[in-house]
Every structure is written in C-alpha cells, then in structure tokens.
C-alpha atoms as a PDB file:
ATOM      1  CA  MET A   1      21.131  14.580  12.261  1.00  0.00           C
ATOM      2  CA  LYS A   2      20.997  11.702  14.808  1.00  0.00           C
ATOM      3  CA  ARG A   3      18.576   9.930  12.244  1.00  0.00           C
ATOM      4  CA  LEU A   4      20.351   9.844   9.433  1.00  0.00           C
ATOM      5  CA  VAL A   5      23.939   9.084  11.656  1.00  0.00           C
ATOM      6  CA  ASN A   6      21.483   5.895  12.759  1.00  0.00           C
ATOM      7  CA  VAL A   7      20.121   5.178   9.238  1.00  0.00           C
ATOM      8  CA  PHE A   8      23.619   4.919   8.090  1.00  0.00           C
ATOM      9  CA  LYS A   9      24.132   2.605  11.229  1.00  0.00           C
ATOM     10  CA  LEU A  10      21.552   0.055  10.384  1.00  0.00           C
ATOM     11  CA  LEU A  11      22.937   0.396   6.293  1.00  0.00           C
ATOM     12  CA  LYS A  12      25.936  -1.073   7.425  1.00  0.00           C
ATOM     13  CA  ILE A  13      24.395  -3.761   9.295  1.00  0.00           C
ATOM     14  CA  ILE A  14      22.359  -4.555   5.966  1.00  0.00           C
ATOM     15  CA  TRP A  15      25.675  -4.823   3.999  1.00  0.00           C
ATOM     16  CA  TYR A  16      27.690  -6.624   6.607  1.00  0.00           C
ATOM     17  CA  ARG A  17      24.871  -9.182   6.990  1.00  0.00           C
ATOM     18  CA  GLU A  18      24.621  -9.585   2.928  1.00  0.00           C
ATOM     19  CA  GLY A  19      28.551 -10.179   2.864  1.00  0.00           C
ATOM     20  CA  MET A  20      29.587  -6.602   1.958  1.00  0.00           C
ATOM     21  CA  ASP A  21      31.706  -5.890   5.051  1.00  0.00           C
ATOM     22  CA  GLU A  22      32.123  -2.900   3.768  1.00  0.00           C
ATOM     23  CA  GLY A  23      29.251  -2.089   1.682  1.00  0.00           C
ATOM     24  CA  PRO A  24      29.205  -0.453  -1.921  1.00  0.00           C
ATOM     25  CA  GLU A  25      32.326   1.736  -3.398  1.00  0.00           C
ATOM     26  CA  TYR A  26      32.767   4.926  -1.917  1.00  0.00           C
ATOM     27  CA  ASP A  27      30.494   6.962  -4.205  1.00  0.00           C
ATOM     28  CA  ILE A  28      27.971   4.463  -3.830  1.00  0.00           C
ATOM     29  CA  LYS A  29      27.820   5.160  -0.268  1.00  0.00           C
ATOM     30  CA  GLN A  30      28.337   9.041  -0.787  1.00  0.00           C
ATOM     31  CA  ALA A  31      25.267   9.206  -3.063  1.00  0.00           C
ATOM     32  CA  MET A  32      22.715   6.877  -0.704  1.00  0.00           C
ATOM     33  CA  LEU A  33      23.576   9.126   1.923  1.00  0.00           C
ATOM     34  CA  ALA A  34      23.007  12.622  -0.230  1.00  0.00           C
ATOM     35  CA  LEU A  35      19.875  10.958  -1.311  1.00  0.00           C
ATOM     36  CA  LEU A  36      18.658  10.311   2.305  1.00  0.00           C
ATOM     37  CA  VAL A  37      19.817  14.014   3.653  1.00  0.00           C
ATOM     38  CA  ILE A  38      17.758  15.395   0.713  1.00  0.00           C
ATOM     39  CA  ALA A  39      15.101  13.369   2.027  1.00  0.00           C
ATOM     40  CA  ALA A  40      15.606  14.291   5.092  1.00  0.00           C
ATOM     41  CA  ARG A  41      15.301  18.261   4.312  1.00  0.00           C
ATOM     42  CA  PHE A  42      12.308  17.418   1.849  1.00  0.00           C
ATOM     43  CA  PRO A  43      10.816  14.578   2.147  1.00  0.00           C
ATOM     44  CA  GLU A  44       7.884  15.180  -0.150  1.00  0.00           C
ATOM     45  CA  PRO A  45       9.715  15.867  -3.650  1.00  0.00           C
ATOM     46  CA  MET A  46      12.441  13.120  -2.463  1.00  0.00           C
ATOM     47  CA  ARG A  47       9.558  10.727  -1.894  1.00  0.00           C
ATOM     48  CA  GLN A  48       8.472  11.314  -5.826  1.00  0.00           C
ATOM     49  CA  LEU A  49      11.931  11.264  -7.246  1.00  0.00           C
ATOM     50  CA  LEU A  50      12.645   7.705  -4.925  1.00  0.00           C
ATOM     51  CA  HIS A  51       9.742   6.225  -6.401  1.00  0.00           C
ATOM     52  CA  ASP A  52       9.932   7.345 -10.122  1.00  0.00           C
ATOM     53  CA  MET A  53      13.951   5.828 -10.383  1.00  0.00           C
ATOM     54  CA  GLU A  54      12.229   2.660  -8.542  1.00  0.00           C
ATOM     55  CA  ARG A  55      10.015   2.307 -11.083  1.00  0.00           C
ATOM     56  CA  LEU A  56      12.924   3.077 -13.680  1.00  0.00           C
ATOM     57  CA  TYR A  57      14.798  -0.683 -12.592  1.00  0.00           C
ATOM     58  CA  ILE A  58      11.484  -2.362 -13.826  1.00  0.00           C
ATOM     59  CA  ASN A  59      11.008  -0.585 -17.108  1.00  0.00           C
ATOM     60  CA  PRO A  60      12.579  -3.220 -19.826  1.00  0.00           C
ATOM     61  CA  VAL A  61      13.497   0.165 -22.356  1.00  0.00           C
ATOM     62  CA  PHE A  62      15.158   2.359 -19.814  1.00  0.00           C
ATOM     63  CA  PRO A  63      18.839   2.293 -20.828  1.00  0.00           C
ATOM     64  CA  PRO A  64      20.570   1.509 -16.941  1.00  0.00           C
ATOM     65  CA  GLU A  65      23.711   3.516 -18.457  1.00  0.00           C
ATOM     66  CA  LYS A  66      22.002   6.753 -17.961  1.00  0.00           C
ATOM     67  CA  GLN A  67      23.015   9.233 -14.795  1.00  0.00           C
ATOM     68  CA  VAL A  68      21.437   9.350 -12.055  1.00  0.00           C
ATOM     69  CA  VAL A  69      21.717  12.859 -11.468  1.00  0.00           C
ATOM     70  CA  GLN A  70      21.174  13.999 -14.642  1.00  0.00           C
ATOM     71  CA  TYR A  71      17.460  11.956 -14.558  1.00  0.00           C
ATOM     72  CA  LEU A  72      16.784  13.982 -10.708  1.00  0.00           C
ATOM     73  CA  LEU A  73      17.519  16.889 -12.567  1.00  0.00           C
ATOM     74  CA  GLU A  74      15.522  16.740 -15.225  1.00  0.00           C
ATOM     75  CA  THR A  75      12.598  15.367 -12.869  1.00  0.00           C
ATOM     76  CA  CYS A  76      12.888  18.210 -10.872  1.00  0.00           C
ATOM     77  CA  ASP A  77      12.040  20.542 -13.590  1.00  0.00           C
ATOM     78  CA  GLU A  78       8.958  18.856 -14.803  1.00  0.00           C
ATOM     79  CA  TYR A  79       7.632  18.249 -11.214  1.00  0.00           C
ATOM     80  CA  ARG A  80       8.343  21.898 -10.648  1.00  0.00           C
ATOM     81  CA  LYS A  81       5.808  23.476 -12.996  1.00  0.00           C
ATOM     82  CA  ASN A  82       3.194  22.047 -11.097  1.00  0.00           C
ATOM     83  CA  ALA A  83       4.199  22.190  -8.167  1.00  0.00           C
ATOM     84  CA  LEU A  84       2.220  23.780  -5.466  1.00  0.00           C
ATOM     85  CA  VAL A  85       5.520  24.892  -3.698  1.00  0.00           C
ATOM     86  CA  PRO A  86       7.889  25.189  -6.634  1.00  0.00           C
ATOM     87  CA  GLN A  87      10.536  26.541  -4.007  1.00  0.00           C
ATOM     88  CA  GLU A  88      10.810  22.499  -2.653  1.00  0.00           C
ATOM     89  CA  TRP A  89      11.914  21.556  -6.174  1.00  0.00           C
ATOM     90  CA  ASP A  90      14.476  23.967  -6.414  1.00  0.00           C
ATOM     91  CA  GLY A  91      15.983  23.205  -3.038  1.00  0.00           C
ATOM     92  CA  VAL A  92      16.158  19.390  -4.154  1.00  0.00           C
ATOM     93  CA  ARG A  93      17.456  20.606  -7.733  1.00  0.00           C
ATOM     94  CA  ALA A  94      20.283  22.885  -5.993  1.00  0.00           C
ATOM     95  CA  ALA A  95      21.058  19.946  -3.609  1.00  0.00           C
ATOM     96  CA  LEU A  96      21.250  17.741  -6.544  1.00  0.00           C
ATOM     97  CA  SER A  97      23.573  19.645  -8.424  1.00  0.00           C
ATOM     98  CA  ASN A  98      26.062  20.211  -5.676  1.00  0.00           C
ATOM     99  CA  PRO A  99      28.855  18.083  -6.779  1.00  0.00           C
ATOM    100  CA  THR A 100      30.575  17.899  -3.232  1.00  0.00           C
ATOM    101  CA  LEU A 101      27.127  16.536  -2.196  1.00  0.00           C
ATOM    102  CA  ILE A 102      26.786  13.921  -4.809  1.00  0.00           C
ATOM    103  CA  SER A 103      28.579  12.662  -7.836  1.00  0.00           C
ATOM    104  CA  GLN A 104      27.772  13.789 -11.062  1.00  0.00           C
ATOM    105  CA  GLU A 105      28.750  10.708 -12.751  1.00  0.00           C
ATOM    106  CA  ILE A 106      26.799   7.778 -10.642  1.00  0.00           C
ATOM    107  CA  THR A 107      24.492   5.943 -12.926  1.00  0.00           C
ATOM    108  CA  PHE A 108      21.282   3.744 -12.501  1.00  0.00           C
ATOM    109  CA  GLU A 109      23.678   0.531 -13.078  1.00  0.00           C
ATOM    110  CA  SER A 110      25.938   1.436 -10.418  1.00  0.00           C
ATOM    111  CA  LEU A 111      24.138   2.762  -8.363  1.00  0.00           C
ATOM    112  CA  HIS A 112      21.778  -0.711  -8.565  1.00  0.00           C
ATOM    113  CA  ASP A 113      18.343  -0.882  -7.231  1.00  0.00           C
ATOM    114  CA  ARG A 114      19.076  -2.561  -4.173  1.00  0.00           C
ATOM    115  CA  HIS A 115      20.758   0.439  -2.980  1.00  0.00           C
ATOM    116  CA  LEU A 116      18.075   2.603  -4.199  1.00  0.00           C
ATOM    117  CA  HIS A 117      15.394   0.048  -2.311  1.00  0.00           C
ATOM    118  CA  LEU A 118      17.188   0.979   0.911  1.00  0.00           C
ATOM    119  CA  VAL A 119      17.311   4.780   0.197  1.00  0.00           C
ATOM    120  CA  SER A 120      13.464   4.707  -0.155  1.00  0.00           C
ATOM    121  CA  THR A 121      13.019   2.324   2.787  1.00  0.00           C
ATOM    122  CA  PHE A 122      14.750   4.581   4.847  1.00  0.00           C
ATOM    123  CA  SER A 123      13.272   7.813   3.399  1.00  0.00           C
ATOM    124  CA  PHE A 124      10.882   8.803   6.406  1.00  0.00           C
ATOM    125  CA  ILE A 125      13.780  10.087   8.125  1.00  0.00           C
ATOM    126  CA  GLY A 126      12.630  13.379   7.164  1.00  0.00           C
ATOM    127  CA  GLU A 127       8.589  13.517   8.402  1.00  0.00           C
ATOM    128  CA  SER A 128       7.805  14.286  12.323  1.00  0.00           C
ATOM    129  CA  ASP A 129       4.437  15.007  11.935  1.00  0.00           C
ATOM    130  CA  PRO A 130       1.728  14.739   9.319  1.00  0.00           C
ATOM    131  CA  GLU A 131      -0.485  17.575  10.858  1.00  0.00           C
ATOM    132  CA  ARG A 132       2.665  19.659  10.472  1.00  0.00           C
ATOM    133  CA  SER A 133       3.481  19.288   7.350  1.00  0.00           C
ATOM    134  CA  ALA A 134       0.217  20.172   5.984  1.00  0.00           C
ATOM    135  CA  THR A 135       0.405  23.183   8.306  1.00  0.00           C
ATOM    136  CA  LEU A 136       3.793  24.065   6.865  1.00  0.00           C
ATOM    137  CA  GLN A 137       2.483  23.448   3.168  1.00  0.00           C
ATOM    138  CA  ARG A 138      -0.103  25.750   4.006  1.00  0.00           C
ATOM    139  CA  ASP A 139       1.481  28.429   5.457  1.00  0.00           C
ATOM    140  CA  LEU A 140       4.506  28.519   2.477  1.00  0.00           C
ATOM    141  CA  ALA A 141       1.525  28.158  -0.166  1.00  0.00           C
ATOM    142  CA  ALA A 142      -0.778  31.458   1.534  1.00  0.00           C
ATOM    143  CA  PRO A 143       2.041  34.282   0.783  1.00  0.00           C
ATOM    144  CA  LEU A 144       2.237  32.816  -2.888  1.00  0.00           C
ATOM    145  CA  LEU A 145      -1.695  32.793  -3.068  1.00  0.00           C
ATOM    146  CA  VAL A 146      -1.584  36.174  -1.456  1.00  0.00           C
ATOM    147  CA  ALA A 147       0.738  37.735  -3.872  1.00  0.00           C
ATOM    148  CA  GLU A 148      -1.397  36.195  -6.392  1.00  0.00           C
ATOM    149  CA  MET A 149      -3.994  37.493  -5.493  1.00  0.00           C
ATOM    150  CA  ALA A 150      -2.815  41.067  -4.650  1.00  0.00           C
ATOM    151  CA  GLU A 151      -1.587  40.947  -8.686  1.00  0.00           C
ATOM    152  CA  GLN A 152      -5.214  40.273  -9.660  1.00  0.00           C
ATOM    153  CA  LEU A 153      -6.544  42.965  -7.602  1.00  0.00           C
ATOM    154  CA  THR A 154      -3.425  45.267  -9.275  1.00  0.00           C
ATOM    155  CA  ASP A 155      -4.651  44.141 -12.978  1.00  0.00           C
ATOM    156  CA  ARG A 156      -8.038  44.871 -12.203  1.00  0.00           C
ATOM    157  CA  GLN A 157      -7.127  48.621 -10.895  1.00  0.00           C
ATOM    158  CA  ASP A 158      -5.117  49.340 -13.576  1.00  0.00           C
ATOM    159  CA  ILE A 159      -8.029  48.356 -16.044  1.00  0.00           C
ATOM    160  CA  SER A 160     -10.435  50.545 -13.895  1.00  0.00           C
ATOM    161  CA  ASP A 161      -7.906  53.265 -14.452  1.00  0.00           C
ATOM    162  CA  VAL A 162      -8.284  53.211 -18.140  1.00  0.00           C
ATOM    163  CA  GLU A 163     -10.238  56.092 -19.228  1.00  0.00           C
ATOM    164  CA  SER A 164     -13.607  54.787 -21.257  1.00  0.00           C
ATOM    165  CA  PRO A 165     -14.139  56.019 -24.297  1.00  0.00           C
ATOM    166  CA  GLN A 166     -17.665  57.989 -23.002  1.00  0.00           C
ATOM    167  CA  GLN A 167     -14.963  59.590 -20.601  1.00  0.00           C
ATOM    168  CA  ALA A 168     -12.410  60.729 -23.015  1.00  0.00           C
ATOM    169  CA  ASP A 169     -15.420  62.395 -25.047  1.00  0.00           C
ATOM    170  CA  GLY A 170     -16.186  64.565 -21.908  1.00  0.00           C
ATOM    171  CA  GLU A 171     -19.197  63.314 -21.169  1.00  0.00           C
END
C-alpha cells in the first residue's frame, strides 16, 4: 500500500511538471491507479498486458475508440488458455471486471499512451524478490501438477479394472 501511495505522489509531481496541475481527468486517474493496484497483486500477468497495450498505440490499424477493459478481458482469456497458473489470469480478470475499481467505458484514446507509459513504468511495485516469485510460481503450480498426475494414474487404474477378453471367457 505504501508503495502505491508513493507512486501516486510521483505521478502527481510528473503531472505538475508537465503543466497538468490536477493531472488527467478523474476516471483516467482512477483507471491508472486501478491498473497499478492490479499490477501490485499480479505483477507478471499485468506486465504482459501493459506491454501488449503499449504495442497497440504504435499499431496504425488499431481503433483508438476501443474500450480498454474490453480489450484487457479478451486478452486475459487468451493468455489464460496457455497459462501455467491460470488462477492468476482469473484474478486479473475478476479485478478488471469490477466497475467500481475501473471504469468500463475508458477508451485507448482517452487513456492516452503517455498515461499508459507511466503505468507501465511503475508496474514493478508488486515485485519484491525474483527468487521468491519463482518459488511462489512453483508452489502454485505443484498442486496442479500433482492433481494432473493423480488423474492420469486414476485413468490407468480404470483401464486395468476393465476385464480383458481372456478374463471374460474364464481362462
């Protein structure tokens, strides 16, 4: 929490120096802060999403009137399909779906690339130790792998329980 407060103070200084005494509009500030909060909780997925969003601004065929949250939800669904820990993507999706946290109506045009770049720049706030993060990833993935292996063993057991044609004939 303290990191988020400090980042917001830095944003206010940046806006002041850019001649934006009050910063961007309220809903844009709220969206920026929401993205930072989600990045603090889910650093890796949000880093991927923010990187993808930044690339959109340089894509000449991308419509700037597209809604940010809609794009992020669609992208979460795509990343979740191949994720080692899909629960993280579910968490990001749930947070983004909360209209009290982030306005569902914000477009890429209203968010503007300079504000998104600031969010990306400060998206590190959720990280603490790379080794710890790797350990957490393994700890989260291990129960999934164990469950998958148990399911495979159960499937093999079911196959061995089926009588062979020779057993059925009484041989």
